[in-house]
């Protein structure tokens, strides 16, 4: 029984799918910021503004429903 040390080419071939996945993930994460997109804080501000609009709409609906059928 002999222990063979794998060559660097074999290691790279074995790790290629994982390295490719990491590279694609980095590409997409950088691409969303770099092409006139939003950074994280801008995205968060837009998300909070949308949540506030949704909450206001739901409160209006709830008030109308409570006004129609008081229990």
N, C-alpha and C. Protein backbone atom coordinates (compact mmCIF):
# COMPACT_ATOMS: atom_id res chain seq x y z
N UNK A 1 0.84 -1.17 0.00
CA UNK A 1 0.00 0.00 0.00
C UNK A 1 0.89 1.24 0.00
N UNK A 2 0.77 2.04 -1.03
CA UNK A 2 1.61 3.23 -1.13
C UNK A 2 0.73 4.48 -1.07
N UNK A 3 1.23 5.46 -0.37
CA UNK A 3 0.53 6.74 -0.32
C UNK A 3 1.08 7.62 -1.42
N UNK A 4 0.20 7.98 -2.33
CA UNK A 4 0.62 8.86 -3.42
C UNK A 4 0.12 10.27 -3.12
N UNK A 5 1.01 11.19 -3.23
CA UNK A 5 0.64 12.58 -3.02
C UNK A 5 0.04 13.10 -4.33
N UNK A 6 -1.19 13.65 -4.27
CA UNK A 6 -1.79 14.14 -5.51
C UNK A 6 -1.05 15.37 -6.04
N UNK A 7 -0.97 15.46 -7.33
CA UNK A 7 -0.30 16.62 -7.93
C UNK A 7 -1.22 17.83 -7.83
N UNK A 8 -0.66 18.99 -8.06
CA UNK A 8 -1.43 20.23 -7.99
C UNK A 8 -2.54 20.25 -9.03
N UNK A 9 -2.30 19.62 -10.17
CA UNK A 9 -3.33 19.56 -11.22
C UNK A 9 -4.52 18.73 -10.75
N UNK A 10 -4.26 17.62 -10.11
CA UNK A 10 -5.35 16.78 -9.60
C UNK A 10 -6.14 17.51 -8.52
N UNK A 11 -5.45 18.23 -7.67
CA UNK A 11 -6.14 19.00 -6.62
C UNK A 11 -7.02 20.07 -7.25
N UNK A 12 -6.50 20.78 -8.24
CA UNK A 12 -7.29 21.81 -8.90
C UNK A 12 -8.50 21.23 -9.63
N UNK A 13 -8.30 20.09 -10.26
CA UNK A 13 -9.43 19.44 -10.94
C UNK A 13 -10.50 19.04 -9.94
N UNK A 14 -10.09 18.52 -8.79
CA UNK A 14 -11.06 18.11 -7.78
C UNK A 14 -11.78 19.31 -7.15
N UNK A 15 -11.08 20.43 -7.02
CA UNK A 15 -11.66 21.62 -6.39
C UNK A 15 -12.31 22.57 -7.39
N UNK A 16 -12.20 22.27 -8.68
CA UNK A 16 -12.73 23.17 -9.70
C UNK A 16 -14.20 23.51 -9.51
N UNK A 17 -15.11 22.57 -9.26
CA UNK A 17 -16.52 22.95 -9.10
C UNK A 17 -16.75 23.92 -7.93
N UNK A 18 -16.07 23.70 -6.82
CA UNK A 18 -16.23 24.59 -5.67
C UNK A 18 -15.66 25.97 -5.97
N UNK A 19 -14.50 26.03 -6.60
CA UNK A 19 -13.90 27.31 -6.95
C UNK A 19 -14.76 28.07 -7.97
N UNK A 20 -15.34 27.34 -8.90
CA UNK A 20 -16.23 27.95 -9.89
C UNK A 20 -17.47 28.53 -9.22
N UNK A 21 -18.04 27.81 -8.29
CA UNK A 21 -19.21 28.29 -7.57
C UNK A 21 -18.89 29.57 -6.79
N UNK A 22 -17.75 29.60 -6.12
CA UNK A 22 -17.34 30.79 -5.37
C UNK A 22 -17.11 31.96 -6.34
N UNK A 23 -16.47 31.71 -7.46
CA UNK A 23 -16.19 32.77 -8.43
C UNK A 23 -17.49 33.35 -9.00
N UNK A 24 -18.44 32.51 -9.32
CA UNK A 24 -19.73 32.99 -9.86
C UNK A 24 -20.46 33.81 -8.81
N UNK A 25 -20.44 33.35 -7.58
CA UNK A 25 -21.10 34.09 -6.49
C UNK A 25 -20.47 35.48 -6.33
N UNK A 26 -19.15 35.55 -6.33
CA UNK A 26 -18.46 36.85 -6.20
C UNK A 26 -18.79 37.74 -7.39
N UNK A 27 -18.82 37.17 -8.58
CA UNK A 27 -19.14 37.94 -9.78
C UNK A 27 -20.52 38.58 -9.68
N UNK A 28 -21.51 37.80 -9.27
CA UNK A 28 -22.87 38.34 -9.17
C UNK A 28 -23.00 39.35 -8.03
N UNK A 29 -22.34 39.11 -6.92
CA UNK A 29 -22.43 40.06 -5.81
C UNK A 29 -21.77 41.40 -6.18
N UNK A 30 -20.67 41.36 -6.88
CA UNK A 30 -20.02 42.60 -7.30
C UNK A 30 -20.79 43.24 -8.44
N UNK A 31 -21.40 42.45 -9.29
CA UNK A 31 -22.14 42.98 -10.43
C UNK A 31 -23.37 43.76 -10.02
N UNK A 32 -24.04 43.36 -8.96
CA UNK A 32 -25.23 44.08 -8.53
C UNK A 32 -24.88 45.47 -8.02
N UNK A 33 -23.70 45.64 -7.45
CA UNK A 33 -23.28 46.96 -6.96
C UNK A 33 -22.67 47.79 -8.06
N UNK A 34 -21.90 47.18 -8.94
CA UNK A 34 -21.07 47.92 -9.85
C UNK A 34 -21.76 48.53 -11.05
N UNK A 35 -22.88 48.05 -11.46
CA UNK A 35 -23.51 48.52 -12.70
C UNK A 35 -24.66 49.47 -12.42
N UNK A 36 -24.40 50.48 -11.64
CA UNK A 36 -25.44 51.45 -11.34
C UNK A 36 -26.48 50.89 -10.39
N UNK A 37 -26.19 49.80 -9.78
CA UNK A 37 -27.11 49.20 -8.83
C UNK A 37 -27.03 49.88 -7.48
N UNK A 38 -27.67 49.29 -6.52
CA UNK A 38 -27.73 49.85 -5.19
C UNK A 38 -26.70 49.18 -4.29
N UNK A 39 -26.17 49.96 -3.36
CA UNK A 39 -25.34 49.33 -2.35
C UNK A 39 -26.27 48.84 -1.23
N UNK A 40 -25.72 48.22 -0.24
CA UNK A 40 -26.55 47.58 0.79
C UNK A 40 -27.40 48.59 1.55
N UNK A 41 -26.84 49.73 1.90
CA UNK A 41 -27.60 50.71 2.67
C UNK A 41 -28.74 51.30 1.85
N UNK A 42 -28.51 51.55 0.56
CA UNK A 42 -29.58 52.06 -0.29
C UNK A 42 -30.69 51.03 -0.45
N UNK A 43 -30.30 49.78 -0.63
CA UNK A 43 -31.29 48.72 -0.75
C UNK A 43 -32.10 48.60 0.53
N UNK A 44 -31.44 48.71 1.67
CA UNK A 44 -32.12 48.61 2.95
C UNK A 44 -33.10 49.77 3.14
N UNK A 45 -32.71 50.98 2.74
CA UNK A 45 -33.61 52.12 2.84
C UNK A 45 -34.84 51.93 1.96
N UNK A 46 -34.66 51.45 0.74
CA UNK A 46 -35.80 51.19 -0.13
C UNK A 46 -36.70 50.10 0.44
N UNK A 47 -36.09 49.08 1.01
CA UNK A 47 -36.85 47.99 1.61
C UNK A 47 -37.70 48.51 2.76
N UNK A 48 -37.12 49.35 3.63
CA UNK A 48 -37.87 49.90 4.76
C UNK A 48 -39.00 50.81 4.29
N UNK A 49 -38.74 51.61 3.26
CA UNK A 49 -39.80 52.48 2.72
C UNK A 49 -40.96 51.64 2.18
N UNK A 50 -40.64 50.56 1.49
CA UNK A 50 -41.69 49.68 0.96
C UNK A 50 -42.46 49.02 2.09
N UNK A 51 -41.76 48.60 3.13
CA UNK A 51 -42.43 47.99 4.29
C UNK A 51 -43.38 48.99 4.96
N UNK A 52 -42.96 50.25 5.07
CA UNK A 52 -43.82 51.28 5.65
C UNK A 52 -45.08 51.47 4.81
N UNK A 53 -44.92 51.51 3.48
CA UNK A 53 -46.09 51.65 2.60
C UNK A 53 -47.02 50.46 2.76
N UNK A 54 -46.47 49.27 2.84
CA UNK A 54 -47.31 48.08 3.03
C UNK A 54 -48.04 48.12 4.37
N UNK A 55 -47.35 48.54 5.42
CA UNK A 55 -47.99 48.62 6.74
C UNK A 55 -49.12 49.64 6.74
N UNK A 56 -48.90 50.80 6.10
CA UNK A 56 -49.95 51.81 6.03
C UNK A 56 -51.16 51.29 5.28
N UNK A 57 -50.93 50.60 4.18
CA UNK A 57 -52.05 50.04 3.41
C UNK A 57 -52.81 49.00 4.23
N UNK A 58 -52.09 48.16 4.94
CA UNK A 58 -52.75 47.15 5.77
C UNK A 58 -53.53 47.78 6.92
N UNK A 59 -53.00 48.86 7.49
CA UNK A 59 -53.72 49.56 8.56
C UNK A 59 -55.01 50.18 8.03
N UNK A 60 -54.98 50.73 6.83
CA UNK A 60 -56.19 51.29 6.22
C UNK A 60 -57.24 50.21 5.98
N UNK A 61 -56.80 49.09 5.48
CA UNK A 61 -57.72 47.97 5.24
C UNK A 61 -58.33 47.49 6.55
N UNK A 62 -57.50 47.38 7.57
CA UNK A 62 -57.99 46.93 8.87
C UNK A 62 -58.98 47.93 9.45
N UNK A 63 -58.71 49.22 9.31
CA UNK A 63 -59.63 50.24 9.82
C UNK A 63 -60.96 50.17 9.10
N UNK A 64 -60.96 49.97 7.80
CA UNK A 64 -62.22 49.85 7.04
C UNK A 64 -62.99 48.61 7.45
N UNK A 65 -62.28 47.51 7.66
CA UNK A 65 -62.97 46.29 8.08
C UNK A 65 -63.57 46.45 9.48
N UNK A 66 -62.87 47.11 10.37
CA UNK A 66 -63.40 47.33 11.72
C UNK A 66 -64.57 48.29 11.69
N UNK A 67 -64.54 49.26 10.79
CA UNK A 67 -65.64 50.23 10.68
C UNK A 67 -66.90 49.57 10.13
N UNK A 68 -66.75 48.63 9.21
CA UNK A 68 -67.89 47.96 8.60
C UNK A 68 -68.62 47.06 9.57
N UNK A 69 -67.89 46.25 10.29
CA UNK A 69 -68.55 45.27 11.15
C UNK A 69 -67.99 45.36 12.59
N UNK A 70 -68.50 46.31 13.37
CA UNK A 70 -68.02 46.38 14.76
C UNK A 70 -68.54 45.20 15.57
N UNK A 71 -67.69 44.68 16.40
CA UNK A 71 -68.10 43.51 17.21
C UNK A 71 -67.92 43.78 18.66
